[in-house]
Amino acid sequence: MNHEGVKRMAHTTKDKEKLLNRVRRIKGQIEAIEKALDEDQECSRVLQTIAASRGAINGLMAEVMEGHVRYHVLNPNGKPTAEQAEAADELIDIVNRYLK
Protein backbone atom coordinates (compact mmCIF):
# COMPACT_ATOMS: atom_id res chain seq x y z
CA MET A 1 0.00 0.00 0.00
CA ASN A 2 1.18 3.51 -0.69
CA HIS A 3 1.07 6.32 1.81
CA GLU A 4 -2.58 7.16 0.99
CA GLY A 5 -3.65 3.59 1.78
CA VAL A 6 -4.45 2.83 -1.87
CA LYS A 7 -2.78 -0.21 -3.36
CA ARG A 8 -1.18 0.48 -6.76
CA MET A 9 -0.38 -2.17 -9.33
CA ALA A 10 3.35 -2.73 -9.34
CA HIS A 11 5.11 -2.20 -12.63
CA THR A 12 6.51 -5.72 -12.25
CA THR A 13 2.94 -7.02 -12.30
CA LYS A 14 2.05 -4.94 -15.33
CA ASP A 15 5.21 -6.08 -17.18
CA LYS A 16 5.19 -9.57 -15.67
CA GLU A 17 5.27 -11.61 -18.89
CA LYS A 18 8.04 -9.52 -20.44
CA LEU A 19 10.15 -9.76 -17.27
CA LEU A 20 9.54 -13.49 -16.93
CA ASN A 21 10.67 -14.00 -20.53
CA ARG A 22 13.92 -12.19 -19.67
CA VAL A 23 14.37 -14.39 -16.60
CA ARG A 24 13.78 -17.53 -18.68
CA ARG A 25 16.47 -16.42 -21.15
CA ILE A 26 18.84 -15.79 -18.24
CA LYS A 27 18.03 -19.23 -16.85
CA GLY A 28 18.98 -20.71 -20.22
CA GLN A 29 22.25 -18.81 -20.19
CA ILE A 30 23.05 -20.02 -16.66
CA GLU A 31 22.31 -23.58 -17.78
CA ALA A 32 24.68 -23.01 -20.71
CA ILE A 33 27.44 -22.11 -18.23
CA GLU A 34 26.79 -25.31 -16.31
CA LYS A 35 26.85 -27.33 -19.55
CA ALA A 36 30.07 -25.66 -20.72
CA LEU A 37 31.75 -26.50 -17.43
CA ASP A 38 30.35 -30.02 -17.37
CA GLU A 39 31.60 -30.63 -20.91
CA ASP A 40 35.06 -29.23 -20.14
CA GLN A 41 34.75 -26.53 -22.80
CA GLU A 42 37.56 -24.02 -23.30
CA CYS A 43 37.74 -21.39 -20.58
CA SER A 44 37.32 -18.63 -23.17
CA ARG A 45 33.92 -20.11 -24.11
CA VAL A 46 32.94 -20.35 -20.44
CA LEU A 47 33.97 -16.73 -19.88
CA GLN A 48 31.97 -15.57 -22.90
CA THR A 49 28.90 -17.37 -21.60
CA ILE A 50 29.35 -15.87 -18.13
CA ALA A 51 29.72 -12.39 -19.65
CA ALA A 52 26.54 -12.84 -21.68
CA SER A 53 24.66 -13.96 -18.57
CA ARG A 54 25.94 -10.99 -16.59
CA GLY A 55 24.84 -8.65 -19.37
CA ALA A 56 21.37 -10.19 -19.38
CA ILE A 57 21.06 -9.86 -15.61
CA ASN A 58 22.21 -6.24 -15.79
CA GLY A 59 19.59 -5.60 -18.47
CA LEU A 60 16.89 -7.06 -16.23
CA MET A 61 18.14 -4.96 -13.31
CA ALA A 62 18.05 -1.80 -15.45
CA GLU A 63 14.51 -2.50 -16.64
CA VAL A 64 13.13 -3.18 -13.17
CA MET A 65 15.01 -0.19 -11.73
CA GLU A 66 13.62 2.15 -14.41
CA GLY A 67 10.09 0.98 -13.66
CA HIS A 68 10.71 1.49 -9.96
CA VAL A 69 11.81 5.07 -10.51
CA ARG A 70 8.94 5.87 -12.87
CA TYR A 71 6.18 4.14 -10.83
CA HIS A 72 7.32 4.40 -7.22
CA VAL A 73 9.78 7.27 -6.88
CA LEU A 74 7.82 9.57 -9.16
CA ASN A 75 4.07 9.72 -8.67
CA PRO A 76 2.60 7.79 -11.63
CA ASN A 77 -0.80 9.41 -11.04
CA GLY A 78 0.54 12.95 -11.19
CA LYS A 79 2.68 14.94 -13.56
CA PRO A 80 6.26 15.28 -12.28
CA THR A 81 7.81 18.69 -12.37
CA ALA A 82 10.33 19.31 -15.13
CA GLU A 83 13.10 19.03 -12.55
CA GLN A 84 11.78 15.71 -11.23
CA ALA A 85 11.42 14.25 -14.73
CA GLU A 86 14.92 15.40 -15.65
CA ALA A 87 16.41 14.00 -12.43
CA ALA A 88 14.65 10.66 -12.99
CA ASP A 89 15.89 10.47 -16.58
CA GLU A 90 19.44 11.32 -15.45
CA LEU A 91 19.36 8.66 -12.73
CA ILE A 92 18.06 6.02 -15.15
CA ASP A 93 20.72 6.97 -17.71
CA ILE A 94 23.52 6.82 -15.13
CA VAL A 95 22.44 3.41 -13.84
CA ASN A 96 22.07 2.07 -17.40
CA ARG A 97 25.60 3.23 -18.24
CA TYR A 98 26.93 1.73 -15.02
CA LEU A 99 25.32 -1.63 -15.75
CA LYS A 100 26.76 -1.88 -19.28
PDB file of N, CA and C in Angstrom:
ATOM      1  N   MET A   1       0.834  -1.179   0.000  1.00  0.00           N
ATOM      2  CA  MET A   1       0.000   0.000   0.000  1.00  0.00           C
ATOM      3  C   MET A   1       0.880   1.243   0.000  1.00  0.00           C
ATOM      4  N   ASN A   2       0.425   2.262  -0.699  1.00  0.00           N
ATOM      5  CA  ASN A   2       1.178   3.507  -0.686  1.00  0.00           C
ATOM      6  C   ASN A   2       0.755   4.340   0.508  1.00  0.00           C
ATOM      7  N   HIS A   3       1.310   5.530   0.621  1.00  0.00           N
ATOM      8  CA  HIS A   3       1.065   6.324   1.813  1.00  0.00           C
ATOM      9  C   HIS A   3      -0.370   6.799   1.942  1.00  0.00           C
ATOM     10  N   GLU A   4      -1.178   6.779   0.893  1.00  0.00           N
ATOM     11  CA  GLU A   4      -2.582   7.156   0.989  1.00  0.00           C
ATOM     12  C   GLU A   4      -3.458   5.951   1.312  1.00  0.00           C
ATOM     13  N   GLY A   5      -2.875   4.778   1.475  1.00  0.00           N
ATOM     14  CA  GLY A   5      -3.645   3.588   1.784  1.00  0.00           C
ATOM     15  C   GLY A   5      -4.269   2.939   0.563  1.00  0.00           C
ATOM     16  N   VAL A   6      -3.910   3.391  -0.638  1.00  0.00           N
ATOM     17  CA  VAL A   6      -4.446   2.831  -1.875  1.00  0.00           C
ATOM     18  C   VAL A   6      -3.378   1.949  -2.493  1.00  0.00           C
ATOM     19  N   LYS A   7      -3.741   0.724  -2.770  1.00  0.00           N
ATOM     20  CA  LYS A   7      -2.785  -0.206  -3.365  1.00  0.00           C
ATOM     21  C   LYS A   7      -2.670   0.084  -4.854  1.00  0.00           C
ATOM     22  N   ARG A   8      -1.437   0.263  -5.344  1.00  0.00           N
ATOM     23  CA  ARG A   8      -1.179   0.480  -6.765  1.00  0.00           C
ATOM     24  C   ARG A   8      -0.631  -0.799  -7.372  1.00  0.00           C
ATOM     25  N   MET A   9      -0.932  -1.014  -8.644  1.00  0.00           N
ATOM     26  CA  MET A   9      -0.379  -2.173  -9.327  1.00  0.00           C
ATOM     27  C   MET A   9       1.103  -1.915  -9.552  1.00  0.00           C
ATOM     28  N   ALA A  10       1.917  -2.860  -9.140  1.00  0.00           N
ATOM     29  CA  ALA A  10       3.351  -2.734  -9.335  1.00  0.00           C
ATOM     30  C   ALA A  10       3.675  -2.848 -10.817  1.00  0.00           C
ATOM     31  N   HIS A  11       4.678  -2.126 -11.239  1.00  0.00           N
ATOM     32  CA  HIS A  11       5.107  -2.200 -12.629  1.00  0.00           C
ATOM     33  C   HIS A  11       5.580  -3.605 -12.975  1.00  0.00           C
ATOM     34  N   THR A  12       6.082  -4.345 -11.980  1.00  0.00           N
ATOM     35  CA  THR A  12       6.512  -5.717 -12.255  1.00  0.00           C
ATOM     36  C   THR A  12       5.309  -6.615 -12.534  1.00  0.00           C
ATOM     37  N   THR A  13       4.163  -6.272 -11.988  1.00  0.00           N
ATOM     38  CA  THR A  13       2.939  -7.018 -12.297  1.00  0.00           C
ATOM     39  C   THR A  13       2.461  -6.669 -13.690  1.00  0.00           C
ATOM     40  N   LYS A  14       2.498  -5.395 -14.017  1.00  0.00           N
ATOM     41  CA  LYS A  14       2.047  -4.937 -15.334  1.00  0.00           C
ATOM     42  C   LYS A  14       2.942  -5.515 -16.436  1.00  0.00           C
ATOM     43  N   ASP A  15       4.241  -5.587 -16.191  1.00  0.00           N
ATOM     44  CA  ASP A  15       5.208  -6.076 -17.180  1.00  0.00           C
ATOM     45  C   ASP A  15       5.640  -7.516 -16.899  1.00  0.00           C
ATOM     46  N   LYS A  16       4.823  -8.240 -16.162  1.00  0.00           N
ATOM     47  CA  LYS A  16       5.193  -9.568 -15.674  1.00  0.00           C
ATOM     48  C   LYS A  16       5.666 -10.511 -16.780  1.00  0.00           C
ATOM     49  N   GLU A  17       4.910 -10.637 -17.858  1.00  0.00           N
ATOM     50  CA  GLU A  17       5.271 -11.612 -18.895  1.00  0.00           C
ATOM     51  C   GLU A  17       6.593 -11.250 -19.559  1.00  0.00           C
ATOM     52  N   LYS A  18       6.789  -9.959 -19.823  1.00  0.00           N
ATOM     53  CA  LYS A  18       8.045  -9.517 -20.436  1.00  0.00           C
ATOM     54  C   LYS A  18       9.234  -9.799 -19.511  1.00  0.00           C
ATOM     55  N   LEU A  19       9.080  -9.521 -18.234  1.00  0.00           N
ATOM     56  CA  LEU A  19      10.152  -9.762 -17.269  1.00  0.00           C
ATOM     57  C   LEU A  19      10.414 -11.254 -17.103  1.00  0.00           C
ATOM     58  N   LEU A  20       9.351 -12.045 -17.052  1.00  0.00           N
ATOM     59  CA  LEU A  20       9.537 -13.494 -16.934  1.00  0.00           C
ATOM     60  C   LEU A  20      10.247 -14.066 -18.155  1.00  0.00           C
ATOM     61  N   ASN A  21       9.957 -13.545 -19.338  1.00  0.00           N
ATOM     62  CA  ASN A  21      10.674 -13.998 -20.532  1.00  0.00           C
ATOM     63  C   ASN A  21      12.158 -13.698 -20.424  1.00  0.00           C
ATOM     64  N   ARG A  22      12.502 -12.523 -19.890  1.00  0.00           N
ATOM     65  CA  ARG A  22      13.918 -12.191 -19.672  1.00  0.00           C
ATOM     66  C   ARG A  22      14.564 -13.174 -18.700  1.00  0.00           C
ATOM     67  N   VAL A  23      13.845 -13.472 -17.617  1.00  0.00           N
ATOM     68  CA  VAL A  23      14.370 -14.394 -16.604  1.00  0.00           C
ATOM     69  C   VAL A  23      14.564 -15.783 -17.210  1.00  0.00           C
ATOM     70  N   ARG A  24      13.643 -16.206 -18.043  1.00  0.00           N
ATOM     71  CA  ARG A  24      13.776 -17.525 -18.676  1.00  0.00           C
ATOM     72  C   ARG A  24      14.995 -17.567 -19.597  1.00  0.00           C
ATOM     73  N   ARG A  25      15.263 -16.475 -20.309  1.00  0.00           N
ATOM     74  CA  ARG A  25      16.468 -16.424 -21.146  1.00  0.00           C
ATOM     75  C   ARG A  25      17.723 -16.478 -20.280  1.00  0.00           C
ATOM     76  N   ILE A  26      17.703 -15.765 -19.164  1.00  0.00           N
ATOM     77  CA  ILE A  26      18.843 -15.789 -18.240  1.00  0.00           C
ATOM     78  C   ILE A  26      19.034 -17.199 -17.693  1.00  0.00           C
ATOM     79  N   LYS A  27      17.951 -17.848 -17.346  1.00  0.00           N
ATOM     80  CA  LYS A  27      18.027 -19.227 -16.849  1.00  0.00           C
ATOM     81  C   LYS A  27      18.701 -20.120 -17.885  1.00  0.00           C
ATOM     82  N   GLY A  28      18.347 -19.941 -19.153  1.00  0.00           N
ATOM     83  CA  GLY A  28      18.979 -20.710 -20.220  1.00  0.00           C
ATOM     84  C   GLY A  28      20.468 -20.423 -20.322  1.00  0.00           C
ATOM     85  N   GLN A  29      20.843 -19.155 -20.137  1.00  0.00           N
ATOM     86  CA  GLN A  29      22.253 -18.805 -20.186  1.00  0.00           C
ATOM     87  C   GLN A  29      23.016 -19.416 -19.006  1.00  0.00           C
ATOM     88  N   ILE A  30      22.416 -19.425 -17.839  1.00  0.00           N
ATOM     89  CA  ILE A  30      23.050 -20.024 -16.663  1.00  0.00           C
ATOM     90  C   ILE A  30      23.213 -21.528 -16.880  1.00  0.00           C
ATOM     91  N   GLU A  31      22.198 -22.149 -17.465  1.00  0.00           N
ATOM     92  CA  GLU A  31      22.305 -23.575 -17.775  1.00  0.00           C
ATOM     93  C   GLU A  31      23.410 -23.828 -18.804  1.00  0.00           C
ATOM     94  N   ALA A  32      23.603 -22.876 -19.725  1.00  0.00           N
ATOM     95  CA  ALA A  32      24.685 -23.015 -20.712  1.00  0.00           C
ATOM     96  C   ALA A  32      26.057 -22.947 -20.039  1.00  0.00           C
ATOM     97  N   ILE A  33      26.176 -22.151 -18.984  1.00  0.00           N
ATOM     98  CA  ILE A  33      27.439 -22.105 -18.225  1.00  0.00           C
ATOM     99  C   ILE A  33      27.685 -23.464 -17.579  1.00  0.00           C
ATOM    100  N   GLU A  34      26.655 -24.001 -16.955  1.00  0.00           N
ATOM    101  CA  GLU A  34      26.787 -25.313 -16.311  1.00  0.00           C
ATOM    102  C   GLU A  34      27.190 -26.372 -17.340  1.00  0.00           C
ATOM    103  N   LYS A  35      26.546 -26.350 -18.498  1.00  0.00           N
ATOM    104  CA  LYS A  35      26.849 -27.327 -19.546  1.00  0.00           C
ATOM    105  C   LYS A  35      28.292 -27.168 -20.041  1.00  0.00           C
ATOM    106  N   ALA A  36      28.702 -25.911 -20.243  1.00  0.00           N
ATOM    107  CA  ALA A  36      30.072 -25.658 -20.717  1.00  0.00           C
ATOM    108  C   ALA A  36      31.095 -26.190 -19.728  1.00  0.00           C
ATOM    109  N   LEU A  37      30.843 -25.991 -18.451  1.00  0.00           N
ATOM    110  CA  LEU A  37      31.753 -26.504 -17.433  1.00  0.00           C
ATOM    111  C   LEU A  37      31.712 -28.030 -17.370  1.00  0.00           C
ATOM    112  N   ASP A  38      30.515 -28.566 -17.429  1.00  0.00           N
ATOM    113  CA  ASP A  38      30.351 -30.017 -17.366  1.00  0.00           C
ATOM    114  C   ASP A  38      31.026 -30.716 -18.545  1.00  0.00           C
ATOM    115  N   GLU A  39      31.001 -30.040 -19.708  1.00  0.00           N
ATOM    116  CA  GLU A  39      31.597 -30.635 -20.910  1.00  0.00           C
ATOM    117  C   GLU A  39      33.055 -30.249 -21.102  1.00  0.00           C
ATOM    118  N   ASP A  40      33.649 -29.620 -20.096  1.00  0.00           N
ATOM    119  CA  ASP A  40      35.055 -29.228 -20.142  1.00  0.00           C
ATOM    120  C   ASP A  40      35.385 -28.358 -21.361  1.00  0.00           C
ATOM    121  N   GLN A  41      34.484 -27.422 -21.680  1.00  0.00           N
ATOM    122  CA  GLN A  41      34.749 -26.525 -22.798  1.00  0.00           C
ATOM    123  C   GLN A  41      35.880 -25.567 -22.448  1.00  0.00           C
ATOM    124  N   GLU A  42      36.459 -24.978 -23.480  1.00  0.00           N
ATOM    125  CA  GLU A  42      37.558 -24.022 -23.296  1.00  0.00           C
ATOM    126  C   GLU A  42      37.130 -22.903 -22.349  1.00  0.00           C
ATOM    127  N   CYS A  43      38.072 -22.440 -21.542  1.00  0.00           N
ATOM    128  CA  CYS A  43      37.737 -21.392 -20.575  1.00  0.00           C
ATOM    129  C   CYS A  43      37.278 -20.116 -21.266  1.00  0.00           C
ATOM    130  N   SER A  44      37.776 -19.834 -22.472  1.00  0.00           N
ATOM    131  CA  SER A  44      37.319 -18.629 -23.172  1.00  0.00           C
ATOM    132  C   SER A  44      35.830 -18.728 -23.490  1.00  0.00           C
ATOM    133  N   ARG A  45      35.345 -19.904 -23.841  1.00  0.00           N
ATOM    134  CA  ARG A  45      33.916 -20.113 -24.113  1.00  0.00           C
ATOM    135  C   ARG A  45      33.098 -19.944 -22.832  1.00  0.00           C
ATOM    136  N   VAL A  46      33.611 -20.490 -21.732  1.00  0.00           N
ATOM    137  CA  VAL A  46      32.935 -20.354 -20.439  1.00  0.00           C
ATOM    138  C   VAL A  46      32.858 -18.879 -20.053  1.00  0.00           C
ATOM    139  N   LEU A  47      33.950 -18.158 -20.217  1.00  0.00           N
ATOM    140  CA  LEU A  47      33.975 -16.732 -19.879  1.00  0.00           C
ATOM    141  C   LEU A  47      32.999 -15.937 -20.731  1.00  0.00           C
ATOM    142  N   GLN A  48      32.922 -16.250 -22.012  1.00  0.00           N
ATOM    143  CA  GLN A  48      31.971 -15.565 -22.895  1.00  0.00           C
ATOM    144  C   GLN A  48      30.532 -15.815 -22.446  1.00  0.00           C
ATOM    145  N   THR A  49      30.247 -17.022 -22.050  1.00  0.00           N
ATOM    146  CA  THR A  49      28.900 -17.374 -21.600  1.00  0.00           C
ATOM    147  C   THR A  49      28.573 -16.666 -20.283  1.00  0.00           C
ATOM    148  N   ILE A  50      29.548 -16.598 -19.389  1.00  0.00           N
ATOM    149  CA  ILE A  50      29.351 -15.872 -18.130  1.00  0.00           C
ATOM    150  C   ILE A  50      29.103 -14.394 -18.411  1.00  0.00           C
ATOM    151  N   ALA A  51      29.892 -13.817 -19.318  1.00  0.00           N
ATOM    152  CA  ALA A  51      29.723 -12.394 -19.646  1.00  0.00           C
ATOM    153  C   ALA A  51      28.340 -12.124 -20.238  1.00  0.00           C
ATOM    154  N   ALA A  52      27.872 -13.019 -21.097  1.00  0.00           N
ATOM    155  CA  ALA A  52      26.538 -12.845 -21.679  1.00  0.00           C
ATOM    156  C   ALA A  52      25.465 -12.916 -20.599  1.00  0.00           C
ATOM    157  N   SER A  53      25.633 -13.820 -19.660  1.00  0.00           N
ATOM    158  CA  SER A  53      24.664 -13.958 -18.566  1.00  0.00           C
ATOM    159  C   SER A  53      24.657 -12.713 -17.695  1.00  0.00           C
ATOM    160  N   ARG A  54      25.839 -12.208 -17.410  1.00  0.00           N
ATOM    161  CA  ARG A  54      25.937 -10.991 -16.594  1.00  0.00           C
ATOM    162  C   ARG A  54      25.268  -9.825 -17.303  1.00  0.00           C
ATOM    163  N   GLY A  55      25.483  -9.710 -18.615  1.00  0.00           N
ATOM    164  CA  GLY A  55      24.837  -8.646 -19.373  1.00  0.00           C
ATOM    165  C   GLY A  55      23.326  -8.757 -19.335  1.00  0.00           C
ATOM    166  N   ALA A  56      22.818  -9.973 -19.423  1.00  0.00           N
ATOM    167  CA  ALA A  56      21.369 -10.186 -19.380  1.00  0.00           C
ATOM    168  C   ALA A  56      20.794  -9.831 -18.009  1.00  0.00           C
ATOM    169  N   ILE A  57      21.512 -10.202 -16.957  1.00  0.00           N
ATOM    170  CA  ILE A  57      21.057  -9.863 -15.606  1.00  0.00           C
ATOM    171  C   ILE A  57      21.092  -8.351 -15.401  1.00  0.00           C
ATOM    172  N   ASN A  58      22.140  -7.701 -15.900  1.00  0.00           N
ATOM    173  CA  ASN A  58      22.209  -6.242 -15.788  1.00  0.00           C
ATOM    174  C   ASN A  58      21.068  -5.584 -16.550  1.00  0.00           C
ATOM    175  N   GLY A  59      20.717  -6.138 -17.706  1.00  0.00           N
ATOM    176  CA  GLY A  59      19.589  -5.597 -18.465  1.00  0.00           C
ATOM    177  C   GLY A  59      18.277  -5.728 -17.707  1.00  0.00           C
ATOM    178  N   LEU A  60      18.083  -6.860 -17.051  1.00  0.00           N
ATOM    179  CA  LEU A  60      16.893  -7.062 -16.229  1.00  0.00           C
ATOM    180  C   LEU A  60      16.888  -6.072 -15.065  1.00  0.00           C
ATOM    181  N   MET A  61      18.031  -5.911 -14.421  1.00  0.00           N
ATOM    182  CA  MET A  61      18.136  -4.960 -13.311  1.00  0.00           C
ATOM    183  C   MET A  61      17.784  -3.551 -13.777  1.00  0.00           C
ATOM    184  N   ALA A  62      18.310  -3.144 -14.927  1.00  0.00           N
ATOM    185  CA  ALA A  62      18.047  -1.803 -15.452  1.00  0.00           C
ATOM    186  C   ALA A  62      16.566  -1.608 -15.738  1.00  0.00           C
ATOM    187  N   GLU A  63      15.935  -2.619 -16.306  1.00  0.00           N
ATOM    188  CA  GLU A  63      14.513  -2.499 -16.642  1.00  0.00           C
ATOM    189  C   GLU A  63      13.640  -2.389 -15.395  1.00  0.00           C
ATOM    190  N   VAL A  64      13.911  -3.226 -14.400  1.00  0.00           N
ATOM    191  CA  VAL A  64      13.126  -3.180 -13.167  1.00  0.00           C
ATOM    192  C   VAL A  64      13.392  -1.870 -12.420  1.00  0.00           C
ATOM    193  N   MET A  65      14.660  -1.435 -12.404  1.00  0.00           N
ATOM    194  CA  MET A  65      15.007  -0.185 -11.728  1.00  0.00           C
ATOM    195  C   MET A  65      14.302   1.005 -12.384  1.00  0.00           C
ATOM    196  N   GLU A  66      14.289   1.045 -13.723  1.00  0.00           N
ATOM    197  CA  GLU A  66      13.615   2.152 -14.409  1.00  0.00           C
ATOM    198  C   GLU A  66      12.134   2.184 -14.056  1.00  0.00           C
ATOM    199  N   GLY A  67      11.499   1.027 -14.050  1.00  0.00           N
ATOM    200  CA  GLY A  67      10.090   0.979 -13.661  1.00  0.00           C
ATOM    201  C   GLY A  67       9.887   1.443 -12.237  1.00  0.00           C
ATOM    202  N   HIS A  68      10.807   1.066 -11.363  1.00  0.00           N
ATOM    203  CA  HIS A  68      10.709   1.486  -9.958  1.00  0.00           C
ATOM    204  C   HIS A  68      10.757   3.008  -9.849  1.00  0.00           C
ATOM    205  N   VAL A  69      11.699   3.612 -10.544  1.00  0.00           N
ATOM    206  CA  VAL A  69      11.813   5.072 -10.507  1.00  0.00           C
ATOM    207  C   VAL A  69      10.545   5.717 -11.059  1.00  0.00           C
ATOM    208  N   ARG A  70      10.088   5.239 -12.210  1.00  0.00           N
ATOM    209  CA  ARG A  70       8.944   5.867 -12.869  1.00  0.00           C
ATOM    210  C   ARG A  70       7.618   5.627 -12.146  1.00  0.00           C
ATOM    211  N   TYR A  71       7.456   4.474 -11.446  1.00  0.00           N
ATOM    212  CA  TYR A  71       6.180   4.144 -10.832  1.00  0.00           C
ATOM    213  C   TYR A  71       6.148   4.291  -9.320  1.00  0.00           C
ATOM    214  N   HIS A  72       7.318   4.330  -8.677  1.00  0.00           N
ATOM    215  CA  HIS A  72       7.323   4.401  -7.220  1.00  0.00           C
ATOM    216  C   HIS A  72       8.039   5.632  -6.677  1.00  0.00           C
ATOM    217  N   VAL A  73       9.097   6.067  -7.343  1.00  0.00           N
ATOM    218  CA  VAL A  73       9.784   7.268  -6.878  1.00  0.00           C
ATOM    219  C   VAL A  73       9.012   8.502  -7.349  1.00  0.00           C
ATOM    220  N   LEU A  74       8.695   8.531  -8.641  1.00  0.00           N
ATOM    221  CA  LEU A  74       7.822   9.572  -9.163  1.00  0.00           C
ATOM    222  C   LEU A  74       6.384   9.124  -8.936  1.00  0.00           C
ATOM    223  N   ASN A  75       5.482  10.053  -8.840  1.00  0.00           N
ATOM    224  CA  ASN A  75       4.074   9.719  -8.673  1.00  0.00           C
ATOM    225  C   ASN A  75       3.483   9.403 -10.048  1.00  0.00           C
ATOM    226  N   PRO A  76       3.113   8.142 -10.311  1.00  0.00           N
ATOM    227  CA  PRO A  76       2.601   7.793 -11.632  1.00  0.00           C
ATOM    228  C   PRO A  76       1.224   8.386 -11.912  1.00  0.00           C
ATOM    229  N   ASN A  77       0.529   8.839 -10.863  1.00  0.00           N
ATOM    230  CA  ASN A  77      -0.802   9.414 -11.036  1.00  0.00           C
ATOM    231  C   ASN A  77      -0.769  10.925 -11.207  1.00  0.00           C
ATOM    232  N   GLY A  78       0.399  11.506 -11.051  1.00  0.00           N
ATOM    233  CA  GLY A  78       0.538  12.950 -11.193  1.00  0.00           C
ATOM    234  C   GLY A  78       1.598  13.266 -12.221  1.00  0.00           C
ATOM    235  N   LYS A  79       1.679  14.521 -12.586  1.00  0.00           N
ATOM    236  CA  LYS A  79       2.684  14.939 -13.557  1.00  0.00           C
ATOM    237  C   LYS A  79       3.895  15.435 -12.778  1.00  0.00           C
ATOM    238  N   PRO A  80       5.070  14.796 -12.992  1.00  0.00           N
ATOM    239  CA  PRO A  80       6.256  15.282 -12.277  1.00  0.00           C
ATOM    240  C   PRO A  80       6.640  16.665 -12.791  1.00  0.00           C
ATOM    241  N   THR A  81       7.303  17.395 -11.924  1.00  0.00           N
ATOM    242  CA  THR A  81       7.812  18.689 -12.374  1.00  0.00           C
ATOM    243  C   THR A  81       8.901  18.428 -13.406  1.00  0.00           C
ATOM    244  N   ALA A  82       9.264  19.442 -14.139  1.00  0.00           N
ATOM    245  CA  ALA A  82      10.329  19.309 -15.133  1.00  0.00           C
ATOM    246  C   ALA A  82      11.619  18.865 -14.462  1.00  0.00           C
ATOM    247  N   GLU A  83      11.885  19.387 -13.281  1.00  0.00           N
ATOM    248  CA  GLU A  83      13.095  19.028 -12.554  1.00  0.00           C
ATOM    249  C   GLU A  83      13.059  17.564 -12.114  1.00  0.00           C
ATOM    250  N   GLN A  84      11.910  17.103 -11.640  1.00  0.00           N
ATOM    251  CA  GLN A  84      11.783  15.710 -11.226  1.00  0.00           C
ATOM    252  C   GLN A  84      11.947  14.769 -12.418  1.00  0.00           C
ATOM    253  N   ALA A  85      11.313  15.090 -13.524  1.00  0.00           N
ATOM    254  CA  ALA A  85      11.418  14.254 -14.728  1.00  0.00           C
ATOM    255  C   ALA A  85      12.857  14.207 -15.217  1.00  0.00           C
ATOM    256  N   GLU A  86      13.522  15.357 -15.214  1.00  0.00           N
ATOM    257  CA  GLU A  86      14.922  15.401 -15.649  1.00  0.00           C
ATOM    258  C   GLU A  86      15.819  14.602 -14.713  1.00  0.00           C
ATOM    259  N   ALA A  87      15.603  14.738 -13.406  1.00  0.00           N
ATOM    260  CA  ALA A  87      16.410  13.999 -12.431  1.00  0.00           C
ATOM    261  C   ALA A  87      16.181  12.490 -12.579  1.00  0.00           C
ATOM    262  N   ALA A  88      14.949  12.089 -12.801  1.00  0.00           N
ATOM    263  CA  ALA A  88      14.652  10.665 -12.986  1.00  0.00           C
ATOM    264  C   ALA A  88      15.335  10.142 -14.245  1.00  0.00           C
ATOM    265  N   ASP A  89      15.246  10.882 -15.331  1.00  0.00           N
ATOM    266  CA  ASP A  89      15.893  10.473 -16.577  1.00  0.00           C
ATOM    267  C   ASP A  89      17.411  10.381 -16.408  1.00  0.00           C
ATOM    268  N   GLU A  90      17.999  11.341 -15.694  1.00  0.00           N
ATOM    269  CA  GLU A  90      19.444  11.317 -15.450  1.00  0.00           C
ATOM    270  C   GLU A  90      19.837  10.093 -14.627  1.00  0.00           C
ATOM    271  N   LEU A  91      19.063   9.812 -13.579  1.00  0.00           N
ATOM    272  CA  LEU A  91      19.356   8.657 -12.733  1.00  0.00           C
ATOM    273  C   LEU A  91      19.273   7.359 -13.537  1.00  0.00           C
ATOM    274  N   ILE A  92      18.234   7.211 -14.322  1.00  0.00           N
ATOM    275  CA  ILE A  92      18.061   6.015 -15.150  1.00  0.00           C
ATOM    276  C   ILE A  92      19.214   5.893 -16.135  1.00  0.00           C
ATOM    277  N   ASP A  93      19.609   6.990 -16.759  1.00  0.00           N
ATOM    278  CA  ASP A  93      20.722   6.968 -17.712  1.00  0.00           C
ATOM    279  C   ASP A  93      22.034   6.575 -17.034  1.00  0.00           C
ATOM    280  N   ILE A  94      22.282   7.130 -15.866  1.00  0.00           N
ATOM    281  CA  ILE A  94      23.522   6.818 -15.134  1.00  0.00           C
ATOM    282  C   ILE A  94      23.563   5.339 -14.764  1.00  0.00           C
ATOM    283  N   VAL A  95      22.469   4.827 -14.233  1.00  0.00           N
ATOM    284  CA  VAL A  95      22.438   3.414 -13.837  1.00  0.00           C
ATOM    285  C   VAL A  95      22.594   2.525 -15.066  1.00  0.00           C
ATOM    286  N   ASN A  96      21.925   2.862 -16.174  1.00  0.00           N
ATOM    287  CA  ASN A  96      22.072   2.072 -17.399  1.00  0.00           C
ATOM    288  C   ASN A  96      23.511   2.049 -17.877  1.00  0.00           C
ATOM    289  N   ARG A  97      24.187   3.195 -17.841  1.00  0.00           N
ATOM    290  CA  ARG A  97      25.601   3.229 -18.242  1.00  0.00           C
ATOM    291  C   ARG A  97      26.470   2.418 -17.296  1.00  0.00           C
ATOM    292  N   TYR A  98      26.170   2.490 -16.007  1.00  0.00           N
ATOM    293  CA  TYR A  98      26.930   1.728 -15.016  1.00  0.00           C
ATOM    294  C   TYR A  98      26.784   0.220 -15.246  1.00  0.00           C
ATOM    295  N   LEU A  99      25.592  -0.205 -15.591  1.00  0.00           N
ATOM    296  CA  LEU A  99      25.317  -1.633 -15.753  1.00  0.00           C
ATOM    297  C   LEU A  99      25.850  -2.208 -17.064  1.00  0.00           C
ATOM    298  N   LYS A 100      26.244  -1.360 -17.995  1.00  0.00           N
ATOM    299  CA  LYS A 100      26.758  -1.877 -19.278  1.00  0.00           C
ATOM    300  C   LYS A 100      28.179  -2.313 -19.176  1.00  0.00           C
TER     301      LYS A 100
END
